Amino acid sequence: MDENDQVQFFSDSPERAFPRTKAILGRKVQNCHPPDSVHIVNKIVDQFRQGKKDKATFWIHFRDKYLLIQYFAVRDHQGKYRGVLEVTQDISGIQKINGEKRLLDWED
């Protein structure tokens, strides 16, 4: 979302946890969240806008997934607030990792 709280971009893939359509482009980000959480979204955005925070991280169980949800403040070279990048990742598989797999072990 941009500095006016309007959605400007979203990635689309079959693995998306929260489906989106192109209809959300240009709409207020608050319309993309459940009503019960909008006040928290607003609080995060306000903290980013004021320069008090640059990141907010949450994790939830959602359907058959364990999701890591992160919000990052986007700032220009002068540090001026320009918006928020929201990243959602299914970390179910990450939770099962043990041992090591090193760069030199990689195969294509």
PDB file of N, CA and C in Angstrom:
ATOM      1  N   MET A   1       0.845  -1.180   0.000  1.00  0.00           N
ATOM      2  CA  MET A   1       0.000   0.000   0.000  1.00  0.00           C
ATOM      3  C   MET A   1       0.880   1.229   0.000  1.00  0.00           C
ATOM      4  N   ASP A   2       0.342   2.318  -0.510  1.00  0.00           N
ATOM      5  CA  ASP A   2       1.109   3.553  -0.597  1.00  0.00           C
ATOM      6  C   ASP A   2       0.905   4.418   0.650  1.00  0.00           C
ATOM      7  N   GLU A   3       1.450   5.634   0.623  1.00  0.00           N
ATOM      8  CA  GLU A   3       1.352   6.530   1.786  1.00  0.00           C
ATOM      9  C   GLU A   3      -0.067   7.000   2.051  1.00  0.00           C
ATOM     10  N   ASN A   4      -0.995   6.751   1.123  1.00  0.00           N
ATOM     11  CA  ASN A   4      -2.406   7.102   1.311  1.00  0.00           C
ATOM     12  C   ASN A   4      -3.257   5.899   1.707  1.00  0.00           C
ATOM     13  N   ASP A   5      -2.606   4.820   2.105  1.00  0.00           N
ATOM     14  CA  ASP A   5      -3.266   3.579   2.545  1.00  0.00           C
ATOM     15  C   ASP A   5      -3.991   2.849   1.420  1.00  0.00           C
ATOM     16  N   GLN A   6      -3.629   3.116   0.178  1.00  0.00           N
ATOM     17  CA  GLN A   6      -4.275   2.457  -0.952  1.00  0.00           C
ATOM     18  C   GLN A   6      -3.406   1.316  -1.473  1.00  0.00           C
ATOM     19  N   VAL A   7      -4.045   0.188  -1.737  1.00  0.00           N
ATOM     20  CA  VAL A   7      -3.346  -0.978  -2.270  1.00  0.00           C
ATOM     21  C   VAL A   7      -2.869  -0.655  -3.683  1.00  0.00           C
ATOM     22  N   GLN A   8      -1.579  -0.851  -3.918  1.00  0.00           N
ATOM     23  CA  GLN A   8      -0.996  -0.566  -5.227  1.00  0.00           C
ATOM     24  C   GLN A   8      -0.546  -1.824  -5.963  1.00  0.00           C
ATOM     25  N   PHE A   9      -0.328  -2.904  -5.225  1.00  0.00           N
ATOM     26  CA  PHE A   9       0.216  -4.112  -5.826  1.00  0.00           C
ATOM     27  C   PHE A   9      -0.084  -5.294  -4.923  1.00  0.00           C
ATOM     28  N   PHE A  10      -0.239  -6.465  -5.510  1.00  0.00           N
ATOM     29  CA  PHE A  10      -0.257  -7.713  -4.764  1.00  0.00           C
ATOM     30  C   PHE A  10       0.239  -8.803  -5.693  1.00  0.00           C
ATOM     31  N   SER A  11       0.894  -9.784  -5.124  1.00  0.00           N
ATOM     32  CA  SER A  11       1.337 -10.917  -5.934  1.00  0.00           C
ATOM     33  C   SER A  11       0.225 -11.953  -5.932  1.00  0.00           C
ATOM     34  N   ASP A  12       0.159 -12.694  -7.007  1.00  0.00           N
ATOM     35  CA  ASP A  12      -0.896 -13.686  -7.138  1.00  0.00           C
ATOM     36  C   ASP A  12      -0.277 -15.040  -7.430  1.00  0.00           C
ATOM     37  N   SER A  13      -0.592 -15.995  -6.594  1.00  0.00           N
ATOM     38  CA  SER A  13      -0.103 -17.355  -6.812  1.00  0.00           C
ATOM     39  C   SER A  13      -1.118 -18.330  -6.250  1.00  0.00           C
ATOM     40  N   PRO A  14      -1.077 -19.569  -6.699  1.00  0.00           N
ATOM     41  CA  PRO A  14      -2.028 -20.564  -6.187  1.00  0.00           C
ATOM     42  C   PRO A  14      -1.872 -20.819  -4.686  1.00  0.00           C
ATOM     43  N   GLU A  15      -0.710 -20.499  -4.136  1.00  0.00           N
ATOM     44  CA  GLU A  15      -0.451 -20.755  -2.716  1.00  0.00           C
ATOM     45  C   GLU A  15      -0.921 -19.623  -1.797  1.00  0.00           C
ATOM     46  N   ARG A  16      -1.477 -18.567  -2.351  1.00  0.00           N
ATOM     47  CA  ARG A  16      -1.887 -17.422  -1.520  1.00  0.00           C
ATOM     48  C   ARG A  16      -2.792 -17.877  -0.377  1.00  0.00           C
ATOM     49  N   ALA A  17      -2.511 -17.404   0.811  1.00  0.00           N
ATOM     50  CA  ALA A  17      -3.343 -17.729   1.971  1.00  0.00           C
ATOM     51  C   ALA A  17      -4.643 -16.929   1.939  1.00  0.00           C
ATOM     52  N   PHE A  18      -4.542 -15.652   1.563  1.00  0.00           N
ATOM     53  CA  PHE A  18      -5.697 -14.769   1.530  1.00  0.00           C
ATOM     54  C   PHE A  18      -5.900 -14.313   0.083  1.00  0.00           C
ATOM     55  N   PRO A  19      -6.814 -14.945  -0.639  1.00  0.00           N
ATOM     56  CA  PRO A  19      -7.016 -14.610  -2.057  1.00  0.00           C
ATOM     57  C   PRO A  19      -7.376 -13.135  -2.257  1.00  0.00           C
ATOM     58  N   ARG A  20      -6.884 -12.575  -3.341  1.00  0.00           N
ATOM     59  CA  ARG A  20      -7.163 -11.191  -3.711  1.00  0.00           C
ATOM     60  C   ARG A  20      -7.545 -11.148  -5.190  1.00  0.00           C
ATOM     61  N   THR A  21      -8.287 -10.120  -5.545  1.00  0.00           N
ATOM     62  CA  THR A  21      -8.596  -9.887  -6.956  1.00  0.00           C
ATOM     63  C   THR A  21      -8.103  -8.490  -7.311  1.00  0.00           C
ATOM     64  N   LYS A  22      -8.041  -8.199  -8.592  1.00  0.00           N
ATOM     65  CA  LYS A  22      -7.581  -6.883  -9.043  1.00  0.00           C
ATOM     66  C   LYS A  22      -8.495  -5.761  -8.553  1.00  0.00           C
ATOM     67  N   ALA A  23      -9.690  -6.105  -8.109  1.00  0.00           N
ATOM     68  CA  ALA A  23     -10.633  -5.093  -7.620  1.00  0.00           C
ATOM     69  C   ALA A  23     -10.112  -4.361  -6.382  1.00  0.00           C
ATOM     70  N   ILE A  24      -9.136  -4.958  -5.662  1.00  0.00           N
ATOM     71  CA  ILE A  24      -8.624  -4.279  -4.468  1.00  0.00           C
ATOM     72  C   ILE A  24      -7.634  -3.164  -4.806  1.00  0.00           C
ATOM     73  N   LEU A  25      -7.103  -3.169  -6.018  1.00  0.00           N
ATOM     74  CA  LEU A  25      -6.133  -2.147  -6.399  1.00  0.00           C
ATOM     75  C   LEU A  25      -6.778  -0.767  -6.326  1.00  0.00           C
ATOM     76  N   GLY A  26      -6.126   0.135  -5.626  1.00  0.00           N
ATOM     77  CA  GLY A  26      -6.653   1.480  -5.444  1.00  0.00           C
ATOM     78  C   GLY A  26      -7.584   1.635  -4.262  1.00  0.00           C
ATOM     79  N   ARG A  27      -7.972   0.518  -3.648  1.00  0.00           N
ATOM     80  CA  ARG A  27      -8.865   0.573  -2.481  1.00  0.00           C
ATOM     81  C   ARG A  27      -8.050   0.745  -1.211  1.00  0.00           C
ATOM     82  N   LYS A  28      -8.675   1.181  -0.161  1.00  0.00           N
ATOM     83  CA  LYS A  28      -8.018   1.332   1.138  1.00  0.00           C
ATOM     84  C   LYS A  28      -7.647  -0.041   1.684  1.00  0.00           C
ATOM     85  N   VAL A  29      -6.467  -0.139   2.227  1.00  0.00           N
ATOM     86  CA  VAL A  29      -5.972  -1.406   2.769  1.00  0.00           C
ATOM     87  C   VAL A  29      -6.866  -1.900   3.908  1.00  0.00           C
ATOM     88  N   GLN A  30      -7.482  -0.995   4.621  1.00  0.00           N
ATOM     89  CA  GLN A  30      -8.361  -1.381   5.723  1.00  0.00           C
ATOM     90  C   GLN A  30      -9.505  -2.267   5.242  1.00  0.00           C
ATOM     91  N   ASN A  31      -9.885  -2.134   3.975  1.00  0.00           N
ATOM     92  CA  ASN A  31     -10.957  -2.958   3.421  1.00  0.00           C
ATOM     93  C   ASN A  31     -10.508  -4.381   3.111  1.00  0.00           C
ATOM     94  N   CYS A  32      -9.227  -4.650   3.251  1.00  0.00           N
ATOM     95  CA  CYS A  32      -8.682  -5.982   2.960  1.00  0.00           C
ATOM     96  C   CYS A  32      -8.483  -6.812   4.224  1.00  0.00           C
ATOM     97  N   HIS A  33      -8.849  -6.272   5.370  1.00  0.00           N
ATOM     98  CA  HIS A  33      -8.642  -6.963   6.637  1.00  0.00           C
ATOM     99  C   HIS A  33      -9.971  -7.154   7.358  1.00  0.00           C
ATOM    100  N   PRO A  34     -10.052  -8.183   8.182  1.00  0.00           N
ATOM    101  CA  PRO A  34     -11.286  -8.392   8.956  1.00  0.00           C
ATOM    102  C   PRO A  34     -11.575  -7.182   9.849  1.00  0.00           C
ATOM    103  N   PRO A  35     -12.825  -6.810  10.006  1.00  0.00           N
ATOM    104  CA  PRO A  35     -13.177  -5.633  10.817  1.00  0.00           C
ATOM    105  C   PRO A  35     -12.572  -5.653  12.216  1.00  0.00           C
ATOM    106  N   ASP A  36     -12.461  -6.840  12.817  1.00  0.00           N
ATOM    107  CA  ASP A  36     -11.907  -6.933  14.174  1.00  0.00           C
ATOM    108  C   ASP A  36     -10.437  -6.546  14.253  1.00  0.00           C
ATOM    109  N   SER A  37      -9.715  -6.572  13.135  1.00  0.00           N
ATOM    110  CA  SER A  37      -8.284  -6.270  13.171  1.00  0.00           C
ATOM    111  C   SER A  37      -7.922  -4.922  12.551  1.00  0.00           C
ATOM    112  N   VAL A  38      -8.884  -4.210  12.006  1.00  0.00           N
ATOM    113  CA  VAL A  38      -8.587  -2.947  11.326  1.00  0.00           C
ATOM    114  C   VAL A  38      -7.934  -1.939  12.274  1.00  0.00           C
ATOM    115  N   HIS A  39      -8.369  -1.901  13.523  1.00  0.00           N
ATOM    116  CA  HIS A  39      -7.771  -0.936  14.454  1.00  0.00           C
ATOM    117  C   HIS A  39      -6.283  -1.226  14.683  1.00  0.00           C
ATOM    118  N   ILE A  40      -5.890  -2.485  14.616  1.00  0.00           N
ATOM    119  CA  ILE A  40      -4.475  -2.841  14.764  1.00  0.00           C
ATOM    120  C   ILE A  40      -3.713  -2.452  13.496  1.00  0.00           C
ATOM    121  N   VAL A  41      -4.292  -2.698  12.335  1.00  0.00           N
ATOM    122  CA  VAL A  41      -3.667  -2.274  11.072  1.00  0.00           C
ATOM    123  C   VAL A  41      -3.438  -0.766  11.111  1.00  0.00           C
ATOM    124  N   ASN A  42      -4.430  -0.026  11.544  1.00  0.00           N
ATOM    125  CA  ASN A  42      -4.298   1.428  11.633  1.00  0.00           C
ATOM    126  C   ASN A  42      -3.196   1.832  12.607  1.00  0.00           C
ATOM    127  N   LYS A  43      -3.100   1.135  13.715  1.00  0.00           N
ATOM    128  CA  LYS A  43      -2.064   1.425  14.709  1.00  0.00           C
ATOM    129  C   LYS A  43      -0.666   1.177  14.128  1.00  0.00           C
ATOM    130  N   ILE A  44      -0.504   0.060  13.410  1.00  0.00           N
ATOM    131  CA  ILE A  44       0.777  -0.251  12.779  1.00  0.00           C
ATOM    132  C   ILE A  44       1.142   0.838  11.779  1.00  0.00           C
ATOM    133  N   VAL A  45       0.206   1.192  10.916  1.00  0.00           N
ATOM    134  CA  VAL A  45       0.451   2.215   9.899  1.00  0.00           C
ATOM    135  C   VAL A  45       0.802   3.549  10.563  1.00  0.00           C
ATOM    136  N   ASP A  46       0.101   3.911  11.611  1.00  0.00           N
ATOM    137  CA  ASP A  46       0.400   5.160  12.315  1.00  0.00           C
ATOM    138  C   ASP A  46       1.811   5.149  12.901  1.00  0.00           C
ATOM    139  N   GLN A  47       2.212   4.027  13.487  1.00  0.00           N
ATOM    140  CA  GLN A  47       3.570   3.912  14.042  1.00  0.00           C
ATOM    141  C   GLN A  47       4.621   4.018  12.941  1.00  0.00           C
ATOM    142  N   PHE A  48       4.367   3.400  11.805  1.00  0.00           N
ATOM    143  CA  PHE A  48       5.278   3.500  10.657  1.00  0.00           C
ATOM    144  C   PHE A  48       5.344   4.944  10.159  1.00  0.00           C
ATOM    145  N   ARG A  49       4.184   5.546  10.004  1.00  0.00           N
ATOM    146  CA  ARG A  49       4.092   6.905   9.474  1.00  0.00           C
ATOM    147  C   ARG A  49       4.848   7.894  10.379  1.00  0.00           C
ATOM    148  N   GLN A  50       4.765   7.682  11.693  1.00  0.00           N
ATOM    149  CA  GLN A  50       5.431   8.557  12.657  1.00  0.00           C
ATOM    150  C   GLN A  50       6.924   8.235  12.815  1.00  0.00           C
ATOM    151  N   GLY A  51       7.373   7.154  12.178  1.00  0.00           N
ATOM    152  CA  GLY A  51       8.780   6.780  12.271  1.00  0.00           C
ATOM    153  C   GLY A  51       9.141   6.061  13.560  1.00  0.00           C
ATOM    154  N   LYS A  52       8.144   5.627  14.315  1.00  0.00           N
ATOM    155  CA  LYS A  52       8.402   4.942  15.586  1.00  0.00           C
ATOM    156  C   LYS A  52       8.746   3.473  15.397  1.00  0.00           C
ATOM    157  N   LYS A  53       8.264   2.873  14.342  1.00  0.00           N
ATOM    158  CA  LYS A  53       8.509   1.457  14.053  1.00  0.00           C
ATOM    159  C   LYS A  53       8.741   1.292  12.552  1.00  0.00           C
ATOM    160  N   ASP A  54       9.408   0.189  12.205  1.00  0.00           N
ATOM    161  CA  ASP A  54       9.643  -0.133  10.800  1.00  0.00           C
ATOM    162  C   ASP A  54       9.174  -1.528  10.432  1.00  0.00           C
ATOM    163  N   LYS A  55       8.766  -2.313  11.436  1.00  0.00           N
ATOM    164  CA  LYS A  55       8.394  -3.698  11.172  1.00  0.00           C
ATOM    165  C   LYS A  55       7.408  -4.175  12.240  1.00  0.00           C
ATOM    166  N   ALA A  56       6.452  -4.996  11.814  1.00  0.00           N
ATOM    167  CA  ALA A  56       5.514  -5.649  12.736  1.00  0.00           C
ATOM    168  C   ALA A  56       5.377  -7.100  12.279  1.00  0.00           C
ATOM    169  N   THR A  57       5.479  -8.037  13.218  1.00  0.00           N
ATOM    170  CA  THR A  57       5.482  -9.458  12.887  1.00  0.00           C
ATOM    171  C   THR A  57       4.445 -10.203  13.714  1.00  0.00           C
ATOM    172  N   PHE A  58       3.707 -11.103  13.030  1.00  0.00           N
ATOM    173  CA  PHE A  58       2.675 -11.921  13.668  1.00  0.00           C
ATOM    174  C   PHE A  58       2.728 -13.322  13.082  1.00  0.00           C
ATOM    175  N   TRP A  59       2.209 -14.295  13.798  1.00  0.00           N
ATOM    176  CA  TRP A  59       2.077 -15.644  13.254  1.00  0.00           C
ATOM    177  C   TRP A  59       0.779 -16.237  13.752  1.00  0.00           C
ATOM    178  N   ILE A  60       0.099 -16.936  12.831  1.00  0.00           N
ATOM    179  CA  ILE A  60      -1.222 -17.485  13.136  1.00  0.00           C
ATOM    180  C   ILE A  60      -1.389 -18.848  12.476  1.00  0.00           C
ATOM    181  N   HIS A  61      -2.272 -19.642  13.048  1.00  0.00           N
ATOM    182  CA  HIS A  61      -2.725 -20.868  12.387  1.00  0.00           C
ATOM    183  C   HIS A  61      -3.944 -20.473  11.562  1.00  0.00           C
ATOM    184  N   PHE A  62      -3.909 -20.800  10.288  1.00  0.00           N
ATOM    185  CA  PHE A  62      -5.004 -20.451   9.393  1.00  0.00           C
ATOM    186  C   PHE A  62      -5.262 -21.631   8.478  1.00  0.00           C
ATOM    187  N   ARG A  63      -6.428 -22.223   8.632  1.00  0.00           N
ATOM    188  CA  ARG A  63      -6.778 -23.444   7.908  1.00  0.00           C
ATOM    189  C   ARG A  63      -5.693 -24.488   8.150  1.00  0.00           C
ATOM    190  N   ASP A  64      -5.094 -25.020   7.112  1.00  0.00           N
ATOM    191  CA  ASP A  64      -4.071 -26.056   7.302  1.00  0.00           C
ATOM    192  C   ASP A  64      -2.656 -25.469   7.279  1.00  0.00           C
ATOM    193  N   LYS A  65      -2.531 -24.146   7.454  1.00  0.00           N
ATOM    194  CA  LYS A  65      -1.230 -23.488   7.347  1.00  0.00           C
ATOM    195  C   LYS A  65      -0.839 -22.797   8.648  1.00  0.00           C
ATOM    196  N   TYR A  66       0.458 -22.619   8.793  1.00  0.00           N
ATOM    197  CA  TYR A  66       1.004 -21.817   9.881  1.00  0.00           C
ATOM    198  C   TYR A  66       1.647 -20.620   9.202  1.00  0.00           C
ATOM    199  N   LEU A  67       1.061 -19.441   9.377  1.00  0.00           N
ATOM    200  CA  LEU A  67       1.460 -18.270   8.612  1.00  0.00           C
ATOM    201  C   LEU A  67       2.281 -17.288   9.429  1.00  0.00           C
ATOM    202  N   LEU A  68       3.342 -16.803   8.813  1.00  0.00           N
ATOM    203  CA  LEU A  68       4.116 -15.690   9.330  1.00  0.00           C
ATOM    204  C   LEU A  68       3.689 -14.475   8.517  1.00  0.00           C
ATOM    205  N   ILE A  69       3.197 -13.444   9.201  1.00  0.00           N
ATOM    206  CA  ILE A  69       2.726 -12.233   8.542  1.00  0.00           C
ATOM    207  C   ILE A  69       3.599 -11.084   9.027  1.00  0.00           C
ATOM    208  N   GLN A  70       4.227 -10.399   8.074  1.00  0.00           N
ATOM    209  CA  GLN A  70       5.098  -9.293   8.428  1.00  0.00           C
ATOM    210  C   GLN A  70       4.725  -8.048   7.633  1.00  0.00           C
ATOM    211  N   TYR A  71       4.762  -6.925   8.320  1.00  0.00           N
ATOM    212  CA  TYR A  71       4.546  -5.621   7.716  1.00  0.00           C
ATOM    213  C   TYR A  71       5.863  -4.860   7.820  1.00  0.00           C
ATOM    214  N   PHE A  72       6.271  -4.244   6.713  1.00  0.00           N
ATOM    215  CA  PHE A  72       7.502  -3.465   6.673  1.00  0.00           C
ATOM    216  C   PHE A  72       7.190  -2.054   6.200  1.00  0.00           C
ATOM    217  N   ALA A  73       7.707  -1.051   6.912  1.00  0.00           N
ATOM    218  CA  ALA A  73       7.558   0.325   6.450  1.00  0.00           C
ATOM    219  C   ALA A  73       8.414   0.510   5.204  1.00  0.00           C
ATOM    220  N   VAL A  74       7.873   1.194   4.213  1.00  0.00           N
ATOM    221  CA  VAL A  74       8.625   1.543   3.010  1.00  0.00           C
ATOM    222  C   VAL A  74       8.934   3.028   3.109  1.00  0.00           C
ATOM    223  N   ARG A  75      10.219   3.354   2.976  1.00  0.00           N
ATOM    224  CA  ARG A  75      10.666   4.744   3.085  1.00  0.00           C
ATOM    225  C   ARG A  75      11.545   5.101   1.890  1.00  0.00           C
ATOM    226  N   ASP A  76      11.536   6.362   1.528  1.00  0.00           N
ATOM    227  CA  ASP A  76      12.404   6.800   0.435  1.00  0.00           C
ATOM    228  C   ASP A  76      13.813   7.058   0.977  1.00  0.00           C
ATOM    229  N   HIS A  77      14.704   7.549   0.128  1.00  0.00           N
ATOM    230  CA  HIS A  77      16.103   7.757   0.515  1.00  0.00           C
ATOM    231  C   HIS A  77      16.257   8.795   1.630  1.00  0.00           C
ATOM    232  N   GLN A  78      15.292   9.677   1.767  1.00  0.00           N
ATOM    233  CA  GLN A  78      15.330  10.672   2.838  1.00  0.00           C
ATOM    234  C   GLN A  78      14.650  10.173   4.119  1.00  0.00           C
ATOM    235  N   GLY A  79      14.149   8.944   4.095  1.00  0.00           N
ATOM    236  CA  GLY A  79      13.488   8.380   5.267  1.00  0.00           C
ATOM    237  C   GLY A  79      12.012   8.708   5.363  1.00  0.00           C
ATOM    238  N   LYS A  80      11.467   9.372   4.341  1.00  0.00           N
ATOM    239  CA  LYS A  80      10.048   9.722   4.362  1.00  0.00           C
ATOM    240  C   LYS A  80       9.201   8.479   4.118  1.00  0.00           C
ATOM    241  N   TYR A  81       8.160   8.345   4.909  1.00  0.00           N
ATOM    242  CA  TYR A  81       7.235   7.219   4.797  1.00  0.00           C
ATOM    243  C   TYR A  81       6.547   7.219   3.438  1.00  0.00           C
ATOM    244  N   ARG A  82       6.573   6.060   2.758  1.00  0.00           N
ATOM    245  CA  ARG A  82       5.947   5.924   1.446  1.00  0.00           C
ATOM    246  C   ARG A  82       4.901   4.825   1.381  1.00  0.00           C
ATOM    247  N   GLY A  83       4.802   4.016   2.442  1.00  0.00           N
ATOM    248  CA  GLY A  83       3.795   2.972   2.442  1.00  0.00           C
ATOM    249  C   GLY A  83       4.226   1.760   3.246  1.00  0.00           C
ATOM    250  N   VAL A  84       3.538   0.651   2.986  1.00  0.00           N
ATOM    251  CA  VAL A  84       3.762  -0.594   3.729  1.00  0.00           C
ATOM    252  C   VAL A  84       3.818  -1.760   2.750  1.00  0.00           C
ATOM    253  N   LEU A  85       4.754  -2.650   3.015  1.00  0.00           N
ATOM    254  CA  LEU A  85       4.821  -3.924   2.307  1.00  0.00           C
ATOM    255  C   LEU A  85       4.368  -4.993   3.293  1.00  0.00           C
ATOM    256  N   GLU A  86       3.351  -5.745   2.923  1.00  0.00           N
ATOM    257  CA  GLU A  86       2.859  -6.848   3.756  1.00  0.00           C
ATOM    258  C   GLU A  86       3.283  -8.155   3.104  1.00  0.00           C
ATOM    259  N   VAL A  87       3.932  -9.012   3.890  1.00  0.00           N
ATOM    260  CA  VAL A  87       4.424 -10.289   3.397  1.00  0.00           C
ATOM    261  C   VAL A  87       3.815 -11.402   4.241  1.00  0.00           C
ATOM    262  N   THR A  88       3.190 -12.368   3.576  1.00  0.00           N
ATOM    263  CA  THR A  88       2.620 -13.532   4.256  1.00  0.00           C
ATOM    264  C   THR A  88       3.313 -14.772   3.724  1.00  0.00           C
ATOM    265  N   GLN A  89       3.795 -15.598   4.640  1.00  0.00           N
ATOM    266  CA  GLN A  89       4.539 -16.799   4.250  1.00  0.00           C
ATOM    267  C   GLN A  89       4.023 -17.995   5.053  1.00  0.00           C
ATOM    268  N   ASP A  90       3.760 -19.098   4.364  1.00  0.00           N
ATOM    269  CA  ASP A  90       3.406 -20.342   5.038  1.00  0.00           C
ATOM    270  C   ASP A  90       4.701 -20.949   5.575  1.00  0.00           C
ATOM    271  N   ILE A  91       4.823 -21.005   6.888  1.00  0.00           N
ATOM    272  CA  ILE A  91       6.058 -21.510   7.504  1.00  0.00           C
ATOM    273  C   ILE A  91       5.874 -22.922   8.073  1.00  0.00           C
ATOM    274  N   SER A  92       4.810 -23.589   7.658  1.00  0.00           N
ATOM    275  CA  SER A  92       4.572 -24.954   8.155  1.00  0.00           C
ATOM    276  C   SER A  92       5.779 -25.848   7.906  1.00  0.00           C
ATOM    277  N   GLY A  93       6.328 -25.805   6.706  1.00  0.00           N
ATOM    278  CA  GLY A  93       7.494 -26.622   6.376  1.00  0.00           C
ATOM    279  C   GLY A  93       8.738 -26.190   7.125  1.00  0.00           C
ATOM    280  N   ILE A  94       8.889 -24.894   7.337  1.00  0.00           N
ATOM    281  CA  ILE A  94      10.053 -24.375   8.069  1.00  0.00           C
ATOM    282  C   ILE A  94      10.048 -24.893   9.502  1.00  0.00           C
ATOM    283  N   GLN A  95       8.881 -25.022  10.084  1.00  0.00           N
ATOM    284  CA  GLN A  95       8.765 -25.509  11.456  1.00  0.00           C
ATOM    285  C   GLN A  95       9.330 -26.921  11.613  1.00  0.00           C
ATOM    286  N   LYS A  96       9.366 -27.683  10.541  1.00  0.00           N
ATOM    287  CA  LYS A  96       9.818 -29.078  10.593  1.00  0.00           C
ATOM    288  C   LYS A  96      11.319 -29.233  10.340  1.00  0.00           C
ATOM    289  N   ILE A  97      12.003 -28.156  10.001  1.00  0.00           N
ATOM    290  CA  ILE A  97      13.435 -28.246   9.656  1.00  0.00           C
ATOM    291  C   ILE A  97      14.269 -28.586  10.885  1.00  0.00           C
ATOM    292  N   ASN A  98      15.232 -29.495  10.662  1.00  0.00           N
ATOM    293  CA  ASN A  98      16.241 -29.741  11.681  1.00  0.00           C
ATOM    294  C   ASN A  98      17.550 -30.068  10.982  1.00  0.00           C
ATOM    295  N   GLY A  99      18.624 -30.075  11.693  1.00  0.00           N
ATOM    296  CA  GLY A  99      19.927 -30.332  11.091  1.00  0.00           C
ATOM    297  C   GLY A  99      20.364 -29.159  10.242  1.00  0.00           C
ATOM    298  N   GLU A 100      21.150 -29.445   9.215  1.00  0.00           N
ATOM    299  CA  GLU A 100      21.658 -28.399   8.338  1.00  0.00           C
ATOM    300  C   GLU A 100      21.542 -28.800   6.873  1.00  0.00           C
ATOM    301  N   LYS A 101      21.393 -27.832   6.023  1.00  0.00           N
ATOM    302  CA  LYS A 101      21.556 -28.002   4.591  1.00  0.00           C
ATOM    303  C   LYS A 101      22.346 -26.779   4.144  1.00  0.00           C
ATOM    304  N   ARG A 102      23.572 -27.000   3.774  1.00  0.00           N
ATOM    305  CA  ARG A 102      24.468 -25.893   3.451  1.00  0.00           C
ATOM    306  C   ARG A 102      24.420 -25.538   1.979  1.00  0.00           C
ATOM    307  N   LEU A 103      24.891 -24.353   1.669  1.00  0.00           N
ATOM    308  CA  LEU A 103      24.924 -23.865   0.304  1.00  0.00           C
ATOM    309  C   LEU A 103      25.626 -24.867  -0.627  1.00  0.00           C
ATOM    310  N   LEU A 104      26.682 -25.455  -0.162  1.00  0.00           N
ATOM    311  CA  LEU A 104      27.434 -26.398  -0.994  1.00  0.00           C
ATOM    312  C   LEU A 104      26.691 -27.704  -1.213  1.00  0.00           C
ATOM    313  N   ASP A 105      25.616 -27.933  -0.464  1.00  0.00           N
ATOM    314  CA  ASP A 105      24.802 -29.132  -0.656  1.00  0.00           C
ATOM    315  C   ASP A 105      23.703 -28.937  -1.710  1.00  0.00           C
ATOM    316  N   TRP A 106      23.576 -27.730  -2.230  1.00  0.00           N
ATOM    317  CA  TRP A 106      22.493 -27.401  -3.160  1.00  0.00           C
ATOM    318  C   TRP A 106      22.700 -28.073  -4.508  1.00  0.00           C
ATOM    319  N   GLU A 107      21.605 -28.585  -5.030  1.00  0.00           N
ATOM    320  CA  GLU A 107      21.592 -29.165  -6.379  1.00  0.00           C
ATOM    321  C   GLU A 107      20.432 -28.559  -7.129  1.00  0.00           C
ATOM    322  N   ASP A 108      20.570 -28.407  -8.456  1.00  0.00           N
ATOM    323  CA  ASP A 108      19.421 -27.891  -9.207  1.00  0.00           C
ATOM    324  C   ASP A 108      18.567 -29.023  -9.688  1.00  0.00           C
TER     325      ASP A 108
END
